[in-house]
Amino acid sequence: MTSQSAKEDIGVRFGVRIRNLREKRGWSLTHLSIHSGLSKTFLTNLETAKKEPCLFTIETLASSFDLTVGKLMRGL
C-alpha cells in the first residue's frame, strides 16, 4: 500500500465515521453545520473524503458529537 492510498483510506473511513455518527443521531447536514459551526459544504466534503480535517476540525466534530478526540478517531 502506498502512502497516497493509505491517506485516501483514512479520509474515506473518517468521512464514513462522521456520516454514521450524524445519521445515528438523526441529524441532517444542516443540523451538524449549525451545531458545529462548520459549513454544510465543508462537512459534505469531509464525508465524501474530498477534504481532510485539521486537528481543530477533528476536535470540533468530536465535541459536537459529545465524544473525545480519541473516541472519534478510534479504529480509523
Protein backbone atom coordinates (compact mmCIF):
# COMPACT_ATOMS: atom_id res chain seq x y z
CA MET A 1 0.00 0.00 0.00
CA THR A 2 1.42 3.39 -0.92
CA SER A 3 1.26 6.37 1.39
CA GLN A 4 -1.20 8.04 -1.02
CA SER A 5 -3.63 5.13 -0.85
CA ALA A 6 -3.30 4.97 2.96
CA LYS A 7 -4.09 8.68 3.09
CA GLU A 8 -7.19 8.17 0.93
CA ASP A 9 -8.29 5.21 3.01
CA ILE A 10 -8.26 7.11 6.30
CA GLY A 11 -10.05 10.04 4.64
CA VAL A 12 -12.77 7.70 3.42
CA ARG A 13 -13.00 5.97 6.81
CA PHE A 14 -13.19 9.32 8.61
CA GLY A 15 -15.95 10.51 6.29
CA VAL A 16 -17.93 7.33 6.84
CA ARG A 17 -17.49 7.70 10.61
CA ILE A 18 -18.83 11.27 10.55
CA ARG A 19 -21.77 10.34 8.33
CA ASN A 20 -22.63 7.33 10.51
CA LEU A 21 -22.48 9.37 13.73
CA ARG A 22 -24.64 12.09 12.18
CA GLU A 23 -27.21 9.68 10.79
CA LYS A 24 -27.31 7.61 14.01
CA ARG A 25 -28.41 10.78 15.80
CA GLY A 26 -30.93 11.62 13.08
CA TRP A 27 -29.08 14.83 12.26
CA SER A 28 -29.15 16.48 8.86
CA LEU A 29 -26.05 18.15 7.47
CA THR A 30 -27.75 21.45 8.30
CA HIS A 31 -28.14 20.43 11.95
CA LEU A 32 -24.49 19.35 12.24
CA SER A 33 -23.41 22.53 10.49
CA ILE A 34 -25.30 24.70 12.97
CA HIS A 35 -24.19 22.60 15.94
CA SER A 36 -20.50 22.55 14.94
CA GLY A 37 -20.09 25.91 13.21
CA LEU A 38 -18.70 24.15 10.13
CA SER A 39 -20.26 24.80 6.74
CA LYS A 40 -22.53 22.23 5.09
CA THR A 41 -20.28 22.24 2.04
CA PHE A 42 -17.20 21.51 4.14
CA LEU A 43 -19.00 18.73 6.04
CA THR A 44 -20.15 17.19 2.76
CA ASN A 45 -16.58 17.30 1.51
CA LEU A 46 -15.36 15.60 4.71
CA GLU A 47 -17.99 12.88 4.45
CA THR A 48 -17.04 12.19 0.84
CA ALA A 49 -13.28 12.39 1.53
CA LYS A 50 -12.82 15.37 -0.79
CA LYS A 51 -11.33 17.37 2.10
CA GLU A 52 -9.15 16.37 5.03
CA PRO A 53 -9.82 17.63 8.54
CA CYS A 54 -7.27 19.58 10.54
CA LEU A 55 -6.87 19.00 14.27
CA PHE A 56 -9.21 21.90 15.07
CA THR A 57 -11.93 20.34 12.89
CA ILE A 58 -11.46 16.91 14.46
CA GLU A 59 -11.76 18.43 17.94
CA THR A 60 -14.81 20.47 16.89
CA LEU A 61 -16.57 17.42 15.48
CA ALA A 62 -15.72 15.29 18.50
CA SER A 63 -17.21 17.94 20.76
CA SER A 64 -20.29 18.23 18.56
CA PHE A 65 -20.92 14.51 19.00
CA ASP A 66 -20.08 14.64 22.74
CA LEU A 67 -17.04 12.42 22.16
CA THR A 68 -13.36 12.74 22.95
CA VAL A 69 -10.99 13.05 20.03
CA GLY A 70 -9.68 9.59 20.92
CA LYS A 71 -13.15 8.03 20.73
CA LEU A 72 -13.92 9.80 17.45
CA MET A 73 -10.68 8.57 15.88
CA ARG A 74 -10.56 5.09 17.48
CA GLY A 75 -10.16 2.33 14.93
CA LEU A 76 -9.60 4.50 11.89
